[in-house]
Amino acid sequence: MADIEVEFVTVERRFWSGTATMVVARTTEGEIGIQAGHEPVLGQLDAGGTVTVYTDEGKKVAAVQGGFLSVTASKVSILGETAEWSESIDRADAEKALSEAGDDAAASAAARGRLRAIDKAGA
């Protein structure tokens, strides 16, 4: 399977870059899977979404809070407001944040995204 170049950045830093066999991202239109040779596309990342990067070493799942995904035939650019890898997320803290979010839609989406990343990494 051919690889595709991935550049994953947040507002504050370069989050991850390298090559992947596939990238799966949750957008406002649903999940999209990207492999080398994919048609160009621009998508808005879902608030409280996830991005999964599949490499030769396995998969890495990140919780991402908003942003955009840009795809060319040879490169995926992910521009997230914030991102964190699933292994750095504490489930108890995420569950507490969700229960304390109340009517705050942004806080609720962020907490759900963090929990979704943990679950996807374990699957």
N, C-alpha and C. Protein backbone atom coordinates (compact mmCIF):
# COMPACT_ATOMS: atom_id res chain seq x y z
N MET A 1 0.85 -1.18 0.00
CA MET A 1 0.00 0.00 0.00
C MET A 1 0.89 1.24 0.00
N ALA A 2 0.54 2.21 -0.82
CA ALA A 2 1.32 3.43 -0.94
C ALA A 2 1.13 4.32 0.29
N ASP A 3 2.14 5.09 0.57
CA ASP A 3 2.07 6.01 1.70
C ASP A 3 1.70 7.41 1.23
N ILE A 4 1.20 8.18 2.17
CA ILE A 4 0.86 9.58 1.92
C ILE A 4 1.53 10.42 3.01
N GLU A 5 2.02 11.58 2.63
CA GLU A 5 2.66 12.49 3.57
C GLU A 5 1.59 13.17 4.42
N VAL A 6 1.86 13.29 5.72
CA VAL A 6 0.90 13.92 6.63
C VAL A 6 1.61 15.03 7.41
N GLU A 7 0.98 16.16 7.45
CA GLU A 7 1.44 17.30 8.25
C GLU A 7 0.28 17.67 9.16
N PHE A 8 0.47 17.51 10.48
CA PHE A 8 -0.59 17.71 11.46
C PHE A 8 -0.12 18.82 12.39
N VAL A 9 -0.75 19.98 12.29
CA VAL A 9 -0.34 21.12 13.11
C VAL A 9 -1.53 21.66 13.90
N THR A 10 -1.21 22.30 15.02
CA THR A 10 -2.22 23.01 15.80
C THR A 10 -1.83 24.48 15.81
N VAL A 11 -2.65 25.27 16.44
CA VAL A 11 -2.37 26.70 16.54
C VAL A 11 -1.01 26.94 17.19
N GLU A 12 -0.63 26.10 18.15
CA GLU A 12 0.58 26.33 18.93
C GLU A 12 1.84 25.65 18.40
N ARG A 13 1.68 24.52 17.64
CA ARG A 13 2.90 23.78 17.28
C ARG A 13 2.65 22.75 16.18
N ARG A 14 3.74 22.21 15.67
CA ARG A 14 3.63 21.06 14.78
C ARG A 14 3.34 19.87 15.67
N PHE A 15 2.21 19.26 15.50
CA PHE A 15 1.77 18.16 16.35
C PHE A 15 2.40 16.84 15.92
N TRP A 16 2.38 16.55 14.61
CA TRP A 16 2.98 15.31 14.10
C TRP A 16 3.17 15.46 12.60
N SER A 17 4.23 14.89 12.10
CA SER A 17 4.40 14.81 10.65
C SER A 17 5.13 13.52 10.33
N GLY A 18 4.84 12.99 9.16
CA GLY A 18 5.44 11.75 8.73
C GLY A 18 4.64 11.15 7.59
N THR A 19 4.84 9.87 7.37
CA THR A 19 4.09 9.20 6.32
C THR A 19 3.10 8.22 6.95
N ALA A 20 2.00 8.05 6.26
CA ALA A 20 0.94 7.16 6.75
C ALA A 20 0.38 6.35 5.59
N THR A 21 -0.18 5.20 5.91
CA THR A 21 -0.86 4.41 4.90
C THR A 21 -2.30 4.89 4.75
N MET A 22 -2.85 5.48 5.83
CA MET A 22 -4.21 6.01 5.78
C MET A 22 -4.41 6.99 6.93
N VAL A 23 -5.29 7.96 6.69
CA VAL A 23 -5.70 8.91 7.72
C VAL A 23 -7.23 8.90 7.72
N VAL A 24 -7.82 8.79 8.91
CA VAL A 24 -9.27 8.85 9.06
C VAL A 24 -9.57 10.03 9.98
N ALA A 25 -10.44 10.92 9.50
CA ALA A 25 -10.77 12.12 10.28
C ALA A 25 -12.27 12.27 10.38
N ARG A 26 -12.71 12.77 11.52
CA ARG A 26 -14.13 13.05 11.72
C ARG A 26 -14.36 14.51 11.33
N THR A 27 -15.15 14.71 10.29
CA THR A 27 -15.46 16.06 9.82
C THR A 27 -16.92 16.38 10.16
N THR A 28 -17.32 17.58 9.84
CA THR A 28 -18.71 17.98 10.07
C THR A 28 -19.66 17.22 9.16
N GLU A 29 -19.14 16.59 8.11
CA GLU A 29 -19.95 15.81 7.18
C GLU A 29 -19.90 14.32 7.49
N GLY A 30 -19.11 13.91 8.47
CA GLY A 30 -18.94 12.50 8.81
C GLY A 30 -17.47 12.11 8.72
N GLU A 31 -17.19 10.83 8.92
CA GLU A 31 -15.80 10.37 8.86
C GLU A 31 -15.36 10.19 7.41
N ILE A 32 -14.10 10.54 7.17
CA ILE A 32 -13.52 10.39 5.85
C ILE A 32 -12.20 9.66 5.98
N GLY A 33 -11.96 8.71 5.10
CA GLY A 33 -10.70 7.98 5.06
C GLY A 33 -9.90 8.44 3.86
N ILE A 34 -8.63 8.69 4.08
CA ILE A 34 -7.75 9.22 3.03
C ILE A 34 -6.57 8.27 2.84
N GLN A 35 -6.31 7.90 1.59
CA GLN A 35 -5.13 7.13 1.23
C GLN A 35 -4.44 7.85 0.09
N ALA A 36 -3.22 7.42 -0.24
CA ALA A 36 -2.47 8.02 -1.34
C ALA A 36 -3.32 8.00 -2.61
N GLY A 37 -3.29 9.08 -3.36
CA GLY A 37 -4.03 9.18 -4.61
C GLY A 37 -5.46 9.66 -4.44
N HIS A 38 -5.85 9.99 -3.22
CA HIS A 38 -7.22 10.48 -2.97
C HIS A 38 -7.47 11.77 -3.75
N GLU A 39 -8.68 11.96 -4.17
CA GLU A 39 -9.06 13.20 -4.83
C GLU A 39 -8.86 14.37 -3.86
N PRO A 40 -8.48 15.53 -4.37
CA PRO A 40 -8.35 16.70 -3.50
C PRO A 40 -9.67 17.01 -2.81
N VAL A 41 -9.58 17.37 -1.56
CA VAL A 41 -10.77 17.70 -0.77
C VAL A 41 -10.37 18.64 0.36
N LEU A 42 -11.30 19.46 0.77
CA LEU A 42 -11.12 20.33 1.93
C LEU A 42 -12.31 20.07 2.84
N GLY A 43 -12.04 19.79 4.11
CA GLY A 43 -13.12 19.50 5.04
C GLY A 43 -12.92 20.23 6.35
N GLN A 44 -14.02 20.50 7.02
CA GLN A 44 -13.98 21.13 8.34
C GLN A 44 -14.02 20.03 9.39
N LEU A 45 -13.05 20.02 10.30
CA LEU A 45 -13.01 19.03 11.36
C LEU A 45 -14.13 19.30 12.36
N ASP A 46 -14.70 18.24 12.85
CA ASP A 46 -15.79 18.32 13.81
C ASP A 46 -15.27 18.77 15.17
N ALA A 47 -16.01 19.63 15.84
CA ALA A 47 -15.66 20.00 17.22
C ALA A 47 -15.80 18.74 18.06
N GLY A 48 -14.77 18.38 18.76
CA GLY A 48 -14.80 17.14 19.53
C GLY A 48 -14.58 15.93 18.66
N GLY A 49 -13.87 16.11 17.56
CA GLY A 49 -13.61 15.01 16.63
C GLY A 49 -12.32 14.27 16.94
N THR A 50 -12.03 13.33 16.07
CA THR A 50 -10.80 12.55 16.19
C THR A 50 -10.12 12.46 14.83
N VAL A 51 -8.82 12.24 14.88
CA VAL A 51 -8.04 11.94 13.69
C VAL A 51 -7.22 10.70 14.01
N THR A 52 -7.31 9.70 13.14
CA THR A 52 -6.52 8.47 13.31
C THR A 52 -5.52 8.39 12.17
N VAL A 53 -4.25 8.22 12.54
CA VAL A 53 -3.17 8.10 11.57
C VAL A 53 -2.67 6.67 11.62
N TYR A 54 -2.73 5.98 10.49
CA TYR A 54 -2.24 4.60 10.38
C TYR A 54 -0.86 4.64 9.73
N THR A 55 0.13 4.10 10.45
CA THR A 55 1.50 4.04 9.94
C THR A 55 1.97 2.59 9.96
N ASP A 56 3.18 2.35 9.49
CA ASP A 56 3.75 1.01 9.54
C ASP A 56 3.91 0.52 10.97
N GLU A 57 4.00 1.43 11.93
CA GLU A 57 4.16 1.08 13.34
C GLU A 57 2.83 0.84 14.05
N GLY A 58 1.71 1.11 13.40
CA GLY A 58 0.40 0.95 14.01
C GLY A 58 -0.43 2.20 13.85
N LYS A 59 -1.45 2.34 14.69
CA LYS A 59 -2.31 3.52 14.59
C LYS A 59 -2.12 4.43 15.79
N LYS A 60 -2.30 5.73 15.51
CA LYS A 60 -2.26 6.75 16.55
C LYS A 60 -3.54 7.54 16.44
N VAL A 61 -4.21 7.73 17.57
CA VAL A 61 -5.49 8.43 17.58
C VAL A 61 -5.35 9.72 18.38
N ALA A 62 -5.85 10.81 17.81
CA ALA A 62 -5.80 12.11 18.48
C ALA A 62 -7.19 12.68 18.61
N ALA A 63 -7.46 13.30 19.75
CA ALA A 63 -8.66 14.11 19.93
C ALA A 63 -8.34 15.49 19.37
N VAL A 64 -9.20 15.99 18.51
CA VAL A 64 -8.95 17.27 17.84
C VAL A 64 -10.15 18.18 18.05
N GLN A 65 -9.87 19.41 18.41
CA GLN A 65 -10.94 20.39 18.62
C GLN A 65 -10.99 21.37 17.46
N GLY A 66 -11.82 21.08 16.48
CA GLY A 66 -12.02 21.97 15.34
C GLY A 66 -10.82 22.11 14.44
N GLY A 67 -11.01 22.79 13.34
CA GLY A 67 -9.95 23.01 12.37
C GLY A 67 -10.35 22.51 11.00
N PHE A 68 -9.35 22.25 10.17
CA PHE A 68 -9.59 21.88 8.79
C PHE A 68 -8.68 20.74 8.35
N LEU A 69 -9.12 20.05 7.30
CA LEU A 69 -8.37 18.97 6.68
C LEU A 69 -8.26 19.32 5.19
N SER A 70 -7.04 19.31 4.67
CA SER A 70 -6.82 19.58 3.25
C SER A 70 -6.09 18.39 2.66
N VAL A 71 -6.60 17.89 1.53
CA VAL A 71 -6.02 16.70 0.91
C VAL A 71 -5.64 17.01 -0.53
N THR A 72 -4.41 16.64 -0.90
CA THR A 72 -3.98 16.62 -2.29
C THR A 72 -3.66 15.17 -2.61
N ALA A 73 -3.26 14.88 -3.82
CA ALA A 73 -2.96 13.50 -4.21
C ALA A 73 -1.82 12.90 -3.40
N SER A 74 -0.94 13.74 -2.86
CA SER A 74 0.23 13.21 -2.15
C SER A 74 0.38 13.67 -0.71
N LYS A 75 -0.52 14.52 -0.23
CA LYS A 75 -0.34 15.08 1.12
C LYS A 75 -1.67 15.35 1.81
N VAL A 76 -1.69 15.09 3.11
CA VAL A 76 -2.81 15.44 3.97
C VAL A 76 -2.30 16.49 4.96
N SER A 77 -2.96 17.63 4.99
CA SER A 77 -2.64 18.67 5.96
C SER A 77 -3.80 18.78 6.93
N ILE A 78 -3.50 18.63 8.21
CA ILE A 78 -4.51 18.73 9.26
C ILE A 78 -4.17 19.96 10.08
N LEU A 79 -5.11 20.88 10.14
CA LEU A 79 -4.91 22.13 10.87
C LEU A 79 -5.94 22.17 11.99
N GLY A 80 -5.54 21.74 13.17
CA GLY A 80 -6.46 21.68 14.30
C GLY A 80 -6.25 22.82 15.27
N GLU A 81 -7.33 23.24 15.92
CA GLU A 81 -7.20 24.27 16.94
C GLU A 81 -6.36 23.72 18.10
N THR A 82 -6.74 22.53 18.58
CA THR A 82 -5.95 21.82 19.59
C THR A 82 -5.98 20.35 19.24
N ALA A 83 -5.01 19.60 19.76
CA ALA A 83 -4.97 18.14 19.55
C ALA A 83 -4.18 17.51 20.68
N GLU A 84 -4.57 16.29 21.02
CA GLU A 84 -3.80 15.52 22.00
C GLU A 84 -3.96 14.04 21.69
N TRP A 85 -2.85 13.32 21.83
CA TRP A 85 -2.86 11.88 21.56
C TRP A 85 -3.66 11.16 22.63
N SER A 86 -4.34 10.11 22.23
CA SER A 86 -5.20 9.35 23.14
C SER A 86 -4.45 8.84 24.37
N GLU A 87 -3.20 8.44 24.20
CA GLU A 87 -2.47 7.89 25.34
C GLU A 87 -2.14 8.92 26.40
N SER A 88 -2.27 10.21 26.08
CA SER A 88 -2.01 11.25 27.08
C SER A 88 -3.28 11.74 27.75
N ILE A 89 -4.42 11.16 27.39
CA ILE A 89 -5.70 11.59 27.95
C ILE A 89 -6.06 10.70 29.14
N ASP A 90 -6.41 11.31 30.24
CA ASP A 90 -6.87 10.58 31.42
C ASP A 90 -8.39 10.43 31.33
N ARG A 91 -8.86 9.19 31.27
CA ARG A 91 -10.29 8.93 31.11
C ARG A 91 -11.11 9.57 32.23
N ALA A 92 -10.65 9.45 33.47
CA ALA A 92 -11.41 10.01 34.60
C ALA A 92 -11.54 11.52 34.47
N ASP A 93 -10.48 12.19 34.05
CA ASP A 93 -10.54 13.64 33.86
C ASP A 93 -11.51 14.01 32.74
N ALA A 94 -11.48 13.24 31.65
CA ALA A 94 -12.39 13.51 30.52
C ALA A 94 -13.85 13.28 30.93
N GLU A 95 -14.10 12.21 31.68
CA GLU A 95 -15.46 11.94 32.14
C GLU A 95 -15.95 13.04 33.10
N LYS A 96 -15.06 13.50 33.97
CA LYS A 96 -15.40 14.58 34.89
C LYS A 96 -15.71 15.86 34.12
N ALA A 97 -14.89 16.17 33.11
CA ALA A 97 -15.12 17.36 32.29
C ALA A 97 -16.46 17.28 31.58
N LEU A 98 -16.82 16.09 31.11
CA LEU A 98 -18.10 15.91 30.44
C LEU A 98 -19.26 16.14 31.40
N SER A 99 -19.15 15.58 32.61
CA SER A 99 -20.24 15.74 33.57
C SER A 99 -20.36 17.18 34.06
N GLU A 100 -19.27 17.93 34.06
CA GLU A 100 -19.29 19.32 34.52
C GLU A 100 -19.59 20.32 33.40
N ALA A 101 -19.65 19.84 32.16
CA ALA A 101 -19.84 20.74 31.02
C ALA A 101 -21.21 21.41 31.03
N GLY A 102 -22.21 20.70 31.54
CA GLY A 102 -23.55 21.28 31.58
C GLY A 102 -24.03 21.69 30.21
N ASP A 103 -24.45 22.97 30.07
CA ASP A 103 -24.98 23.49 28.81
C ASP A 103 -23.89 24.06 27.91
N ASP A 104 -22.65 23.94 28.31
CA ASP A 104 -21.54 24.46 27.51
C ASP A 104 -21.24 23.47 26.38
N ALA A 105 -21.74 23.77 25.18
CA ALA A 105 -21.62 22.86 24.04
C ALA A 105 -20.16 22.61 23.66
N ALA A 106 -19.33 23.64 23.72
CA ALA A 106 -17.93 23.47 23.34
C ALA A 106 -17.20 22.56 24.32
N ALA A 107 -17.43 22.76 25.60
CA ALA A 107 -16.78 21.92 26.62
C ALA A 107 -17.27 20.49 26.52
N SER A 108 -18.54 20.32 26.27
CA SER A 108 -19.11 18.98 26.12
C SER A 108 -18.53 18.27 24.90
N ALA A 109 -18.43 18.98 23.77
CA ALA A 109 -17.85 18.39 22.55
C ALA A 109 -16.40 18.01 22.77
N ALA A 110 -15.64 18.87 23.45
CA ALA A 110 -14.23 18.58 23.71
C ALA A 110 -14.09 17.32 24.56
N ALA A 111 -14.88 17.21 25.61
CA ALA A 111 -14.81 16.05 26.49
C ALA A 111 -15.22 14.78 25.75
N ARG A 112 -16.27 14.86 24.94
CA ARG A 112 -16.71 13.70 24.15
C ARG A 112 -15.63 13.27 23.16
N GLY A 113 -14.98 14.24 22.54
CA GLY A 113 -13.90 13.93 21.60
C GLY A 113 -12.74 13.23 22.28
N ARG A 114 -12.40 13.68 23.47
CA ARG A 114 -11.31 13.05 24.22
C ARG A 114 -11.66 11.60 24.57
N LEU A 115 -12.91 11.37 24.99
CA LEU A 115 -13.35 10.01 25.31
C LEU A 115 -13.42 9.14 24.05
N ARG A 116 -13.87 9.71 22.94
CA ARG A 116 -13.93 8.99 21.67
C ARG A 116 -12.52 8.56 21.24
N ALA A 117 -11.54 9.43 21.42
CA ALA A 117 -10.15 9.10 21.05
C ALA A 117 -9.64 7.92 21.87
N ILE A 118 -9.93 7.93 23.15
CA ILE A 118 -9.52 6.81 24.01
C ILE A 118 -10.15 5.51 23.53
N ASP A 119 -11.44 5.56 23.24
CA ASP A 119 -12.16 4.36 22.79
C ASP A 119 -11.63 3.86 21.44
N LYS A 120 -11.38 4.76 20.51
CA LYS A 120 -10.88 4.36 19.19
C LYS A 120 -9.48 3.77 19.28
N ALA A 121 -8.67 4.29 20.15
CA ALA A 121 -7.31 3.76 20.29
C ALA A 121 -7.33 2.35 20.83
N GLY A 122 -8.32 2.04 21.66
CA GLY A 122 -8.41 0.72 22.25
C GLY A 122 -9.05 -0.31 21.34
N ALA A 123 -9.71 0.15 20.29
CA ALA A 123 -10.43 -0.77 19.38
C ALA A 123 -9.50 -1.44 18.40
